[in-house]
Amino acid sequence: MIRAAWAFAVASALHAALALDVSASRQTTDILPLPLTQMVETERAFAARARVAGWKQAFLEYFADAAVGFDGDAGPAKDQIRGNPDPPRDLQLLWEPRYGDIAASGDLGYLTGPVTTINPARNGGMPRYSTYASVWKQQPDGVFRVVMDVGITTPDAVPFAPGFTRAPFADRYTGTDTADAATRSLSSADAALTKAATSSQADAYRGRIADRGRIHRPDVMPLIGESAGLAWLRTQPSYASGATRYAEVARLRDLGYTWGSYALPQSGAGPAARGFYTRVWVRSRDGSWRVALDVLQPQQ
C-alpha cells in the first residue's frame, strides 16, 4: 500500500510538517555520493512541500507516474492518492529519511525512517509510531520520484542514528550482464525466497539477508541483521502462498527491488491474512542477491 493510503488507514490522514535537525543531517550527507544526497534531500523537500501545499498535492508531485500502490489492491499509486479523503487539518504525521542506499549508477535507491502520528482528536493526542520505506527512481528529467512506498505500525518510536546513515555494502557487484539478464536473476531470487517461505520463513531468509538488512513487519519493531531476523521469523507460520509480481534493477545491476503478493494460513474463524510485500535487494560481487529491506503490507 502506498504511504498515503497506509497512513490514512493507520492515522486517518497523511504526511504533514517535518522537523529536521538540519545541521546533523548535513554532517552525514556531505560525505555521501551526490545522487544519494540528492535523493535524501528530495525526500526532505517532499515533506516540506506537504506542509505548504497539503499531502495530496505533494504526493502527486513527488510520486512517479508509474508508481504502484497497495490501497486495497495493487494499482496506480496516483489514482489511489486521488481517491483518498482529505486528512483532518490538525493532524500531524512527521517523518524523515534516516537510512538507505543508492545504486552505483545513481538511478535507483531506497530510504526508510521513523514516523510519528499525532491526532489531537484521538486518544488525547497521544502519538502513534510507525516506519516508512520508499523506493526512489531517477526520472528522464534527472529528478528523483517515488515508485514504491509502504509502511508499518510499530509499538514504540523506532530508533535511528542521528542524521542519515548509508547502508553498508562493501562487496558491490561490478559485472557486465545485461539488464534483462539481471532482472531475470533478481526475479528468480525473489521467487525462490517466496516459494521457500511456504515451507519455513526462517529457512527462506537464511543466507539471503544483507549486512544490516532490515525486516519490517506490522506491529513489530524493525528487525536488523540476519540473526535478529531469523530469530523472529522462526516464530512465524509459513506462507500459505506467494507470488512475485514485479522486479526492476538499476543501470549497473547492483541494486533492485521486487514486489508481490503473500497469504498466511487462516487462524481461527477469521479470514486468512494476505497482502503485498516489497523487497529491496543488493547484489554482491559474485552475482548473488541479498535482501536489504523487506516489508509486508497487509491488505486493508
C-alpha atoms as a PDB file:
ATOM      1  CA  MET A   1       0.000   0.000   0.000  1.00  0.00           C
ATOM      2  CA  ILE A   2       1.311   3.435  -0.812  1.00  0.00           C
ATOM      3  CA  ARG A   3       2.322   5.577   2.129  1.00  0.00           C
ATOM      4  CA  ALA A   4      -0.694   7.820   1.572  1.00  0.00           C
ATOM      5  CA  ALA A   5      -3.290   5.079   1.902  1.00  0.00           C
ATOM      6  CA  TRP A   6      -1.334   3.323   4.654  1.00  0.00           C
ATOM      7  CA  ALA A   7      -1.090   6.492   6.729  1.00  0.00           C
ATOM      8  CA  PHE A   8      -4.794   7.203   6.361  1.00  0.00           C
ATOM      9  CA  ALA A   9      -5.678   3.680   7.413  1.00  0.00           C
ATOM     10  CA  VAL A  10      -3.404   3.938  10.455  1.00  0.00           C
ATOM     11  CA  ALA A  11      -3.981   7.518  11.446  1.00  0.00           C
ATOM     12  CA  SER A  12      -6.916   8.803   9.351  1.00  0.00           C
ATOM     13  CA  ALA A  13      -4.552  11.065   7.459  1.00  0.00           C
ATOM     14  CA  LEU A  14      -1.246  11.545   5.736  1.00  0.00           C
ATOM     15  CA  HIS A  15       2.041  13.427   5.870  1.00  0.00           C
ATOM     16  CA  ALA A  16       2.295  16.844   7.427  1.00  0.00           C
ATOM     17  CA  ALA A  17       5.187  19.004   8.615  1.00  0.00           C
ATOM     18  CA  LEU A  18       8.619  17.503   9.172  1.00  0.00           C
ATOM     19  CA  ALA A  19      11.017  18.999  11.739  1.00  0.00           C
ATOM     20  CA  LEU A  20      14.655  18.289  10.918  1.00  0.00           C
ATOM     21  CA  ASP A  21      17.932  18.805  12.708  1.00  0.00           C
ATOM     22  CA  VAL A  22      19.476  20.262   9.588  1.00  0.00           C
ATOM     23  CA  SER A  23      22.992  20.638  10.982  1.00  0.00           C
ATOM     24  CA  ALA A  24      23.200  16.963  11.996  1.00  0.00           C
ATOM     25  CA  SER A  25      21.750  15.875   8.664  1.00  0.00           C
ATOM     26  CA  ARG A  26      24.248  17.933   6.702  1.00  0.00           C
ATOM     27  CA  GLN A  27      27.156  16.430   8.601  1.00  0.00           C
ATOM     28  CA  THR A  28      26.210  12.956   7.396  1.00  0.00           C
ATOM     29  CA  THR A  29      25.048  13.750   3.871  1.00  0.00           C
ATOM     30  CA  ASP A  30      28.174  15.731   2.965  1.00  0.00           C
ATOM     31  CA  ILE A  31      30.189  12.504   2.656  1.00  0.00           C
ATOM     32  CA  LEU A  32      27.553  10.638   0.629  1.00  0.00           C
ATOM     33  CA  PRO A  33      27.624  10.158  -3.148  1.00  0.00           C
ATOM     34  CA  LEU A  34      25.931  13.099  -4.825  1.00  0.00           C
ATOM     35  CA  PRO A  35      22.952  11.093  -6.174  1.00  0.00           C
ATOM     36  CA  LEU A  36      22.225   9.688  -2.704  1.00  0.00           C
ATOM     37  CA  THR A  37      22.400  13.169  -1.203  1.00  0.00           C
ATOM     38  CA  GLN A  38      20.008  14.371  -3.915  1.00  0.00           C
ATOM     39  CA  MET A  39      17.604  11.533  -3.153  1.00  0.00           C
ATOM     40  CA  VAL A  40      17.665  12.255   0.590  1.00  0.00           C
ATOM     41  CA  GLU A  41      17.171  15.972   0.035  1.00  0.00           C
ATOM     42  CA  THR A  42      14.289  15.261  -2.348  1.00  0.00           C
ATOM     43  CA  GLU A  43      12.561  13.282   0.426  1.00  0.00           C
ATOM     44  CA  ARG A  44      13.026  16.245   2.743  1.00  0.00           C
ATOM     45  CA  ALA A  45      11.683  18.626   0.106  1.00  0.00           C
ATOM     46  CA  PHE A  46       8.718  16.291  -0.319  1.00  0.00           C
ATOM     47  CA  ALA A  47       7.905  16.650   3.376  1.00  0.00           C
ATOM     48  CA  ALA A  48       8.273  20.431   3.236  1.00  0.00           C
ATOM     49  CA  ARG A  49       6.018  20.598   0.185  1.00  0.00           C
ATOM     50  CA  ALA A  50       3.363  18.570   2.002  1.00  0.00           C
ATOM     51  CA  ARG A  51       3.383  21.155   4.782  1.00  0.00           C
ATOM     52  CA  VAL A  52       2.801  24.005   2.343  1.00  0.00           C
ATOM     53  CA  ALA A  53       0.554  22.517  -0.336  1.00  0.00           C
ATOM     54  CA  GLY A  54      -1.129  19.659   1.516  1.00  0.00           C
ATOM     55  CA  TRP A  55      -0.443  15.954   1.270  1.00  0.00           C
ATOM     56  CA  LYS A  56      -2.431  15.196  -1.884  1.00  0.00           C
ATOM     57  CA  GLN A  57      -0.695  17.806  -3.996  1.00  0.00           C
ATOM     58  CA  ALA A  58       2.724  16.854  -2.607  1.00  0.00           C
ATOM     59  CA  PHE A  59       2.181  13.151  -3.236  1.00  0.00           C
ATOM     60  CA  LEU A  60       1.027  13.788  -6.785  1.00  0.00           C
ATOM     61  CA  GLU A  61       4.147  15.877  -7.391  1.00  0.00           C
ATOM     62  CA  TYR A  62       6.681  13.507  -5.794  1.00  0.00           C
ATOM     63  CA  PHE A  63       5.316  10.152  -6.953  1.00  0.00           C
ATOM     64  CA  ALA A  64       6.298   8.865 -10.381  1.00  0.00           C
ATOM     65  CA  ASP A  65       3.531   8.292 -12.899  1.00  0.00           C
ATOM     66  CA  ALA A  66       4.468   4.596 -12.905  1.00  0.00           C
ATOM     67  CA  ALA A  67       4.393   4.260  -9.091  1.00  0.00           C
ATOM     68  CA  VAL A  68       2.393   1.315  -7.759  1.00  0.00           C
ATOM     69  CA  GLY A  69       0.334   1.432  -4.565  1.00  0.00           C
ATOM     70  CA  PHE A  70      -1.362  -1.216  -2.439  1.00  0.00           C
ATOM     71  CA  ASP A  71      -4.550   0.530  -1.312  1.00  0.00           C
ATOM     72  CA  GLY A  72      -6.900  -2.461  -1.240  1.00  0.00           C
ATOM     73  CA  ASP A  73      -5.219  -3.968  -4.282  1.00  0.00           C
ATOM     74  CA  ALA A  74      -2.152  -3.245  -6.368  1.00  0.00           C
ATOM     75  CA  GLY A  75      -2.734  -0.394  -8.784  1.00  0.00           C
ATOM     76  CA  PRO A  76      -1.563   3.040  -9.962  1.00  0.00           C
ATOM     77  CA  ALA A  77      -0.457   4.949  -6.883  1.00  0.00           C
ATOM     78  CA  LYS A  78      -1.583   8.348  -8.140  1.00  0.00           C
ATOM     79  CA  ASP A  79      -5.116   7.086  -8.744  1.00  0.00           C
ATOM     80  CA  GLN A  80      -5.182   5.745  -5.185  1.00  0.00           C
ATOM     81  CA  ILE A  81      -3.896   9.058  -3.833  1.00  0.00           C
ATOM     82  CA  ARG A  82      -6.638  10.977  -5.623  1.00  0.00           C
ATOM     83  CA  GLY A  83      -9.217   8.611  -4.159  1.00  0.00           C
ATOM     84  CA  ASN A  84      -8.190   9.193  -0.534  1.00  0.00           C
ATOM     85  CA  PRO A  85     -10.224  11.624   1.597  1.00  0.00           C
ATOM     86  CA  ASP A  86      -8.539  14.725   2.895  1.00  0.00           C
ATOM     87  CA  PRO A  87      -6.991  14.374   6.387  1.00  0.00           C
ATOM     88  CA  PRO A  88      -8.037  16.493   9.368  1.00  0.00           C
ATOM     89  CA  ARG A  89      -6.265  19.828   9.272  1.00  0.00           C
ATOM     90  CA  ASP A  90      -4.821  19.481  12.767  1.00  0.00           C
ATOM     91  CA  LEU A  91      -3.350  16.003  12.278  1.00  0.00           C
ATOM     92  CA  GLN A  92       0.439  15.776  12.135  1.00  0.00           C
ATOM     93  CA  LEU A  93       2.370  12.918  10.574  1.00  0.00           C
ATOM     94  CA  LEU A  94       6.083  13.571  10.954  1.00  0.00           C
ATOM     95  CA  TRP A  95       8.738  11.581   9.117  1.00  0.00           C
ATOM     96  CA  GLU A  96      12.282  11.901   7.824  1.00  0.00           C
ATOM     97  CA  PRO A  97      14.805   9.777   5.901  1.00  0.00           C
ATOM     98  CA  ARG A  98      17.401   8.289   8.242  1.00  0.00           C
ATOM     99  CA  TYR A  99      18.763   5.205   6.475  1.00  0.00           C
ATOM    100  CA  GLY A 100      19.109   3.839   2.953  1.00  0.00           C
ATOM    101  CA  ASP A 101      21.322   3.497  -0.095  1.00  0.00           C
ATOM    102  CA  ILE A 102      21.517   4.040  -3.818  1.00  0.00           C
ATOM    103  CA  ALA A 103      22.873   2.020  -6.730  1.00  0.00           C
ATOM    104  CA  ALA A 104      26.382   2.776  -8.011  1.00  0.00           C
ATOM    105  CA  SER A 105      24.749   4.144 -11.165  1.00  0.00           C
ATOM    106  CA  GLY A 106      22.844   6.690  -9.044  1.00  0.00           C
ATOM    107  CA  ASP A 107      19.440   5.971 -10.578  1.00  0.00           C
ATOM    108  CA  LEU A 108      17.633   3.737  -8.074  1.00  0.00           C
ATOM    109  CA  GLY A 109      17.657   3.709  -4.273  1.00  0.00           C
ATOM    110  CA  TYR A 110      15.672   3.332  -1.093  1.00  0.00           C
ATOM    111  CA  LEU A 111      15.025   5.263   2.121  1.00  0.00           C
ATOM    112  CA  THR A 112      13.475   4.470   5.475  1.00  0.00           C
ATOM    113  CA  GLY A 113      12.920   6.342   8.681  1.00  0.00           C
ATOM    114  CA  PRO A 114      10.709   6.944  11.726  1.00  0.00           C
ATOM    115  CA  VAL A 115       7.155   8.247  11.572  1.00  0.00           C
ATOM    116  CA  THR A 116       5.138   9.871  14.353  1.00  0.00           C
ATOM    117  CA  THR A 117       1.408  10.500  14.003  1.00  0.00           C
ATOM    118  CA  ILE A 118      -0.376  12.952  16.301  1.00  0.00           C
ATOM    119  CA  ASN A 119      -4.139  13.387  16.095  1.00  0.00           C
ATOM    120  CA  PRO A 120      -5.484  15.789  18.761  1.00  0.00           C
ATOM    121  CA  ALA A 121      -8.947  14.231  18.420  1.00  0.00           C
ATOM    122  CA  ARG A 122      -7.712  10.705  19.159  1.00  0.00           C
ATOM    123  CA  ASN A 123      -6.602   9.277  22.482  1.00  0.00           C
ATOM    124  CA  GLY A 124      -5.893  12.662  23.997  1.00  0.00           C
ATOM    125  CA  GLY A 125      -3.411  13.496  21.247  1.00  0.00           C
ATOM    126  CA  MET A 126      -1.034  10.705  22.259  1.00  0.00           C
ATOM    127  CA  PRO A 127       1.415   9.903  19.432  1.00  0.00           C
ATOM    128  CA  ARG A 128       1.385   6.705  17.399  1.00  0.00           C
ATOM    129  CA  TYR A 129       4.538   5.336  15.823  1.00  0.00           C
ATOM    130  CA  SER A 130       5.433   3.666  12.567  1.00  0.00           C
ATOM    131  CA  THR A 131       8.186   3.488   9.987  1.00  0.00           C
ATOM    132  CA  TYR A 132       8.077   4.011   6.251  1.00  0.00           C
ATOM    133  CA  ALA A 133      10.088   2.578   3.367  1.00  0.00           C
ATOM    134  CA  SER A 134      10.254   4.136  -0.079  1.00  0.00           C
ATOM    135  CA  VAL A 135      11.940   3.252  -3.359  1.00  0.00           C
ATOM    136  CA  TRP A 136      13.093   6.206  -5.451  1.00  0.00           C
ATOM    137  CA  LYS A 137      13.950   6.224  -9.144  1.00  0.00           C
ATOM    138  CA  GLN A 138      15.633   8.927 -11.192  1.00  0.00           C
ATOM    139  CA  GLN A 139      13.306  10.101 -13.947  1.00  0.00           C
ATOM    140  CA  PRO A 140      14.263  11.053 -17.531  1.00  0.00           C
ATOM    141  CA  ASP A 141      14.460  14.715 -16.459  1.00  0.00           C
ATOM    142  CA  GLY A 142      17.023  13.809 -13.784  1.00  0.00           C
ATOM    143  CA  VAL A 143      14.823  14.271 -10.713  1.00  0.00           C
ATOM    144  CA  PHE A 144      14.030  11.518  -8.215  1.00  0.00           C
ATOM    145  CA  ARG A 145      10.461  10.331  -7.745  1.00  0.00           C
ATOM    146  CA  VAL A 146       8.861   7.673  -5.541  1.00  0.00           C
ATOM    147  CA  VAL A 147       7.995   4.428  -7.349  1.00  0.00           C
ATOM    148  CA  MET A 148       7.083   2.341  -4.287  1.00  0.00           C
ATOM    149  CA  ASP A 149       6.038   3.423  -0.799  1.00  0.00           C
ATOM    150  CA  VAL A 150       4.996   1.228   2.131  1.00  0.00           C
ATOM    151  CA  GLY A 151       4.874   1.442   5.900  1.00  0.00           C
ATOM    152  CA  ILE A 152       4.159  -0.465   9.099  1.00  0.00           C
ATOM    153  CA  THR A 153       2.884   0.465  12.535  1.00  0.00           C
ATOM    154  CA  THR A 154       5.282  -0.119  15.434  1.00  0.00           C
ATOM    155  CA  PRO A 155       4.688  -0.494  19.190  1.00  0.00           C
ATOM    156  CA  ASP A 156       7.073   2.353  20.030  1.00  0.00           C
ATOM    157  CA  ALA A 157       9.180   5.050  18.406  1.00  0.00           C
ATOM    158  CA  VAL A 158      11.698   3.470  16.010  1.00  0.00           C
ATOM    159  CA  PRO A 159      15.293   4.415  16.903  1.00  0.00           C
ATOM    160  CA  PHE A 160      17.745   5.524  14.218  1.00  0.00           C
ATOM    161  CA  ALA A 161      21.198   7.066  14.429  1.00  0.00           C
ATOM    162  CA  PRO A 162      21.226  10.890  14.199  1.00  0.00           C
ATOM    163  CA  GLY A 163      21.245  12.385  10.726  1.00  0.00           C
ATOM    164  CA  PHE A 164      21.374   9.992   7.776  1.00  0.00           C
ATOM    165  CA  THR A 165      23.280   6.697   7.648  1.00  0.00           C
ATOM    166  CA  ARG A 166      24.162   4.895   4.452  1.00  0.00           C
ATOM    167  CA  ALA A 167      23.606   1.136   4.470  1.00  0.00           C
ATOM    168  CA  PRO A 168      26.878  -0.862   4.419  1.00  0.00           C
ATOM    169  CA  PHE A 169      27.694  -2.514   1.096  1.00  0.00           C
ATOM    170  CA  ALA A 170      31.376  -3.381   0.764  1.00  0.00           C
ATOM    171  CA  ASP A 171      31.277  -6.076  -1.926  1.00  0.00           C
ATOM    172  CA  ARG A 172      29.176  -4.375  -4.582  1.00  0.00           C
ATOM    173  CA  TYR A 173      28.539  -6.085  -7.919  1.00  0.00           C
ATOM    174  CA  THR A 174      30.586  -4.733 -10.847  1.00  0.00           C
ATOM    175  CA  GLY A 175      29.735  -7.273 -13.540  1.00  0.00           C
ATOM    176  CA  THR A 176      28.573  -6.623 -17.074  1.00  0.00           C
ATOM    177  CA  ASP A 177      25.468  -8.728 -17.620  1.00  0.00           C
ATOM    178  CA  THR A 178      22.542  -7.183 -19.493  1.00  0.00           C
ATOM    179  CA  ALA A 179      19.578  -5.505 -17.852  1.00  0.00           C
ATOM    180  CA  ASP A 180      17.329  -8.352 -18.982  1.00  0.00           C
ATOM    181  CA  ALA A 181      19.636 -10.989 -17.524  1.00  0.00           C
ATOM    182  CA  ALA A 182      19.962  -9.096 -14.232  1.00  0.00           C
ATOM    183  CA  THR A 183      16.191  -8.621 -13.987  1.00  0.00           C
ATOM    184  CA  ARG A 184      15.610 -12.326 -14.607  1.00  0.00           C
ATOM    185  CA  SER A 185      18.208 -13.135 -11.956  1.00  0.00           C
ATOM    186  CA  LEU A 186      16.535 -10.846  -9.422  1.00  0.00           C
ATOM    187  CA  SER A 187      13.059 -12.153 -10.240  1.00  0.00           C
ATOM    188  CA  SER A 188      14.304 -15.712  -9.790  1.00  0.00           C
ATOM    189  CA  ALA A 189      15.879 -14.863  -6.423  1.00  0.00           C
ATOM    190  CA  ASP A 190      12.659 -13.239  -5.278  1.00  0.00           C
ATOM    191  CA  ALA A 191      10.513 -16.143  -6.445  1.00  0.00           C
ATOM    192  CA  ALA A 192      12.822 -18.663  -4.770  1.00  0.00           C
ATOM    193  CA  LEU A 193      12.607 -16.840  -1.438  1.00  0.00           C
ATOM    194  CA  THR A 194       8.829 -16.557  -1.629  1.00  0.00           C
ATOM    195  CA  LYS A 195       8.412 -20.215  -2.543  1.00  0.00           C
ATOM    196  CA  ALA A 196      10.732 -21.297   0.271  1.00  0.00           C
ATOM    197  CA  ALA A 197       8.637 -19.239   2.720  1.00  0.00           C
ATOM    198  CA  THR A 198       5.722 -21.621   2.082  1.00  0.00           C
ATOM    199  CA  SER A 199       7.772 -24.257   3.925  1.00  0.00           C
ATOM    200  CA  SER A 200       9.587 -22.106   6.503  1.00  0.00           C
ATOM    201  CA  GLN A 201      10.014 -18.356   6.717  1.00  0.00           C
ATOM    202  CA  ALA A 202      13.262 -18.655   8.651  1.00  0.00           C
ATOM    203  CA  ASP A 203      14.749 -21.125   6.190  1.00  0.00           C
ATOM    204  CA  ALA A 204      13.632 -18.935   3.288  1.00  0.00           C
ATOM    205  CA  TYR A 205      15.596 -15.936   4.558  1.00  0.00           C
ATOM    206  CA  ARG A 206      18.625 -17.801   5.902  1.00  0.00           C
ATOM    207  CA  GLY A 207      21.685 -16.746   3.881  1.00  0.00           C
ATOM    208  CA  ARG A 208      19.624 -14.203   1.934  1.00  0.00           C
ATOM    209  CA  ILE A 209      19.764 -11.179   4.269  1.00  0.00           C
ATOM    210  CA  ALA A 210      22.350  -8.489   3.533  1.00  0.00           C
ATOM    211  CA  ASP A 211      24.618  -6.915   6.139  1.00  0.00           C
ATOM    212  CA  ARG A 212      22.317  -4.861   8.393  1.00  0.00           C
ATOM    213  CA  GLY A 213      19.369  -5.958   6.257  1.00  0.00           C
ATOM    214  CA  ARG A 214      16.036  -4.807   7.674  1.00  0.00           C
ATOM    215  CA  ILE A 215      12.865  -6.877   8.115  1.00  0.00           C
ATOM    216  CA  HIS A 216       9.786  -4.686   8.679  1.00  0.00           C
ATOM    217  CA  ARG A 217       6.598  -6.369   9.903  1.00  0.00           C
ATOM    218  CA  PRO A 218       3.336  -4.817  11.181  1.00  0.00           C
ATOM    219  CA  ASP A 219       3.256  -4.063  14.914  1.00  0.00           C
ATOM    220  CA  VAL A 220       6.845  -5.290  15.387  1.00  0.00           C
ATOM    221  CA  MET A 221       9.946  -3.161  15.864  1.00  0.00           C
ATOM    222  CA  PRO A 222      12.208  -3.417  12.793  1.00  0.00           C
ATOM    223  CA  LEU A 223      14.463  -6.463  12.830  1.00  0.00           C
ATOM    224  CA  ILE A 224      18.017  -5.603  11.796  1.00  0.00           C
ATOM    225  CA  GLY A 225      20.529  -8.178  10.598  1.00  0.00           C
ATOM    226  CA  GLU A 226      20.189 -11.875   9.882  1.00  0.00           C
ATOM    227  CA  SER A 227      20.392 -13.093  13.487  1.00  0.00           C
ATOM    228  CA  ALA A 228      17.547 -10.887  14.704  1.00  0.00           C
ATOM    229  CA  GLY A 229      15.515 -11.505  11.570  1.00  0.00           C
ATOM    230  CA  LEU A 230      15.797 -15.296  11.683  1.00  0.00           C
ATOM    231  CA  ALA A 231      15.091 -15.465  15.427  1.00  0.00           C
ATOM    232  CA  TRP A 232      11.758 -13.730  14.884  1.00  0.00           C
ATOM    233  CA  LEU A 233      10.908 -15.481  11.612  1.00  0.00           C
ATOM    234  CA  ARG A 234      11.261 -18.850  13.349  1.00  0.00           C
ATOM    235  CA  THR A 235       8.208 -17.917  15.412  1.00  0.00           C
ATOM    236  CA  GLN A 236       6.077 -17.180  12.347  1.00  0.00           C
ATOM    237  CA  PRO A 237       3.899 -19.523  10.269  1.00  0.00           C
ATOM    238  CA  SER A 238       4.888 -20.491   6.750  1.00  0.00           C
ATOM    239  CA  TYR A 239       3.207 -18.653   3.904  1.00  0.00           C
ATOM    240  CA  ALA A 240       0.087 -20.292   2.513  1.00  0.00           C
ATOM    241  CA  SER A 241       1.017 -18.845  -0.875  1.00  0.00           C
ATOM    242  CA  GLY A 242       3.002 -16.087  -2.513  1.00  0.00           C
ATOM    243  CA  ALA A 243       3.833 -14.759  -5.963  1.00  0.00           C
ATOM    244  CA  THR A 244       6.438 -12.439  -7.466  1.00  0.00           C
ATOM    245  CA  ARG A 245       4.705  -9.666  -9.422  1.00  0.00           C
ATOM    246  CA  TYR A 246       7.484  -7.264 -10.452  1.00  0.00           C
ATOM    247  CA  ALA A 247      11.268  -6.857 -10.492  1.00  0.00           C
ATOM    248  CA  GLU A 248      13.452  -3.914 -11.554  1.00  0.00           C
ATOM    249  CA  VAL A 249      17.215  -3.353 -11.409  1.00  0.00           C
ATOM    250  CA  ALA A 250      19.443  -0.295 -11.503  1.00  0.00           C
ATOM    251  CA  ARG A 251      21.532   0.506 -14.559  1.00  0.00           C
ATOM    252  CA  LEU A 252      24.675  -1.045 -13.064  1.00  0.00           C
ATOM    253  CA  ARG A 253      22.712  -4.109 -11.798  1.00  0.00           C
ATOM    254  CA  ASP A 254      23.925  -3.829  -8.180  1.00  0.00           C
ATOM    255  CA  LEU A 255      20.589  -2.887  -6.603  1.00  0.00           C
ATOM    256  CA  GLY A 256      16.972  -3.652  -7.400  1.00  0.00           C
ATOM    257  CA  TYR A 257      13.541  -4.069  -5.918  1.00  0.00           C
ATOM    258  CA  THR A 258      10.664  -6.501  -6.193  1.00  0.00           C
ATOM    259  CA  TRP A 259       7.080  -6.652  -5.090  1.00  0.00           C
ATOM    260  CA  GLY A 260       4.490  -9.353  -4.968  1.00  0.00           C
ATOM    261  CA  SER A 261       1.643 -10.900  -3.008  1.00  0.00           C
ATOM    262  CA  TYR A 262       1.549 -13.198   0.005  1.00  0.00           C
ATOM    263  CA  ALA A 263      -1.007 -15.026   2.129  1.00  0.00           C
ATOM    264  CA  LEU A 264      -0.704 -16.558   5.579  1.00  0.00           C
ATOM    265  CA  PRO A 265      -2.687 -19.574   6.815  1.00  0.00           C
ATOM    266  CA  GLN A 266      -6.109 -18.920   8.273  1.00  0.00           C
ATOM    267  CA  SER A 267      -6.026 -18.605  12.044  1.00  0.00           C
ATOM    268  CA  GLY A 268      -9.229 -19.325  13.958  1.00  0.00           C
ATOM    269  CA  ALA A 269     -12.514 -18.176  12.486  1.00  0.00           C
ATOM    270  CA  GLY A 270     -11.149 -15.032  10.858  1.00  0.00           C
ATOM    271  CA  PRO A 271     -10.077 -14.665   7.234  1.00  0.00           C
ATOM    272  CA  ALA A 272      -6.573 -15.553   6.144  1.00  0.00           C
ATOM    273  CA  ALA A 273      -4.101 -12.667   6.381  1.00  0.00           C
ATOM    274  CA  ARG A 274      -2.911 -11.545   2.981  1.00  0.00           C
ATOM    275  CA  GLY A 275      -1.329  -8.558   1.341  1.00  0.00           C
ATOM    276  CA  PHE A 276       1.730  -7.421  -0.567  1.00  0.00           C
ATOM    277  CA  TYR A 277       5.452  -7.385   0.032  1.00  0.00           C
ATOM    278  CA  THR A 278       8.180  -5.033  -1.136  1.00  0.00           C
ATOM    279  CA  ARG A 279      11.839  -6.086  -1.088  1.00  0.00           C
ATOM    280  CA  VAL A 280      14.935  -4.065  -1.862  1.00  0.00           C
ATOM    281  CA  TRP A 281      17.869  -6.241  -2.918  1.00  0.00           C
ATOM    282  CA  VAL A 282      21.601  -5.602  -3.198  1.00  0.00           C
ATOM    283  CA  ARG A 283      23.891  -7.685  -5.392  1.00  0.00           C
ATOM    284  CA  SER A 284      27.292  -8.914  -4.313  1.00  0.00           C
ATOM    285  CA  ARG A 285      30.396  -9.187  -6.472  1.00  0.00           C
ATOM    286  CA  ASP A 286      29.687 -12.894  -7.084  1.00  0.00           C
ATOM    287  CA  GLY A 287      26.297 -12.016  -8.606  1.00  0.00           C
ATOM    288  CA  SER A 288      24.144 -13.208  -5.695  1.00  0.00           C
ATOM    289  CA  TRP A 289      21.258 -11.081  -4.450  1.00  0.00           C
ATOM    290  CA  ARG A 290      20.659 -10.298  -0.748  1.00  0.00           C
ATOM    291  CA  VAL A 291      17.699  -8.617   0.940  1.00  0.00           C
ATOM    292  CA  ALA A 292      18.485  -5.121   2.233  1.00  0.00           C
ATOM    293  CA  LEU A 293      14.921  -4.184   3.153  1.00  0.00           C
ATOM    294  CA  ASP A 294      11.805  -6.358   3.312  1.00  0.00           C
ATOM    295  CA  VAL A 295       8.330  -5.024   4.181  1.00  0.00           C
ATOM    296  CA  LEU A 296       4.976  -6.807   4.441  1.00  0.00           C
ATOM    297  CA  GLN A 297       1.979  -4.569   3.714  1.00  0.00           C
ATOM    298  CA  PRO A 298      -1.247  -6.266   4.873  1.00  0.00           C
ATOM    299  CA  GLN A 299      -4.257  -5.810   2.616  1.00  0.00           C
ATOM    300  CA  GLN A 300      -6.790  -3.467   4.200  1.00  0.00           C
END
